[in-house]
Protein backbone atom coordinates (compact mmCIF):
# COMPACT_ATOMS: atom_id res chain seq x y z
CA MET A 1 -16.91 -5.92 -0.70
CA GLN A 2 -19.01 -4.14 -3.33
CA SER A 3 -18.74 -0.85 -1.44
CA THR A 4 -14.96 -1.22 -1.28
CA HIS A 5 -14.88 -1.94 -5.01
CA ALA A 6 -17.04 1.10 -5.74
CA LEU A 7 -14.82 3.29 -3.58
CA LEU A 8 -11.63 2.05 -5.25
CA THR A 9 -12.97 2.46 -8.78
CA SER A 10 -14.00 6.04 -7.98
CA VAL A 11 -10.28 6.90 -7.78
CA PRO A 12 -8.97 8.16 -11.16
CA GLY A 13 -6.70 5.57 -12.74
CA VAL A 14 -8.04 2.61 -10.76
CA GLY A 15 -10.14 0.37 -12.94
CA ASN A 16 -12.18 -2.75 -12.37
CA LEU A 17 -9.26 -5.21 -12.54
CA ILE A 18 -6.95 -3.21 -10.25
CA ALA A 19 -9.73 -2.77 -7.70
CA TRP A 20 -10.39 -6.53 -7.56
CA HIS A 21 -6.66 -7.25 -7.26
CA LEU A 22 -6.32 -4.80 -4.37
CA ILE A 23 -9.31 -6.34 -2.60
CA ALA A 24 -7.98 -9.88 -3.12
CA PHE A 25 -4.33 -9.32 -2.23
CA LEU A 26 -4.63 -6.57 0.41
CA PRO A 27 -7.38 -7.50 2.86
CA GLU A 28 -5.77 -5.02 5.29
CA LEU A 29 -6.83 -2.16 3.01
CA GLY A 30 -9.21 0.04 4.98
CA ARG A 31 -8.38 -1.62 8.30
CA CYS A 32 -4.73 -0.58 8.61
CA ALA A 33 -3.08 2.85 8.86
CA HIS A 34 -1.30 4.18 5.78
CA LYS A 35 2.27 3.81 7.10
CA PRO A 36 2.10 0.10 8.03
CA LEU A 37 0.23 -0.56 4.78
CA ALA A 38 2.98 1.15 2.76
CA ALA A 39 5.56 -0.99 4.56
CA LEU A 40 3.53 -4.12 3.85
CA VAL A 41 3.27 -3.29 0.16
CA GLY A 42 6.97 -2.38 -0.02
CA VAL A 43 6.85 1.27 -0.98
CA ALA A 44 7.84 2.79 2.39
CA PRO A 45 11.39 4.19 2.50
CA PHE A 46 13.62 2.56 5.11
CA ASN A 47 17.06 3.82 6.03
CA HIS A 48 19.94 1.35 6.34
CA ASP A 49 22.06 3.16 8.93
CA SER A 50 24.25 1.65 11.61
CA GLY A 51 26.42 3.81 13.85
CA LYS A 52 28.29 6.29 11.66
CA HIS A 53 27.48 4.37 8.48
CA LYS A 54 24.87 6.12 6.34
CA GLY A 55 23.26 3.67 3.94
CA LYS A 56 20.83 4.25 1.14
CA ARG A 57 17.16 4.87 1.74
CA LEU A 58 15.30 2.05 0.07
């Protein structure tokens, strides 16, 4: 856990508190690929299309 914290805090803009929050709330971090992790967090764009209907990408 300390190595993960050290790695996260080495990223510019990620401080001590953010690193501990990421470790606590995202145990998949480091074990999961980036696309499923983005979907889990809610930042991956998904299209809402059905047939000829073109929905927004959210």
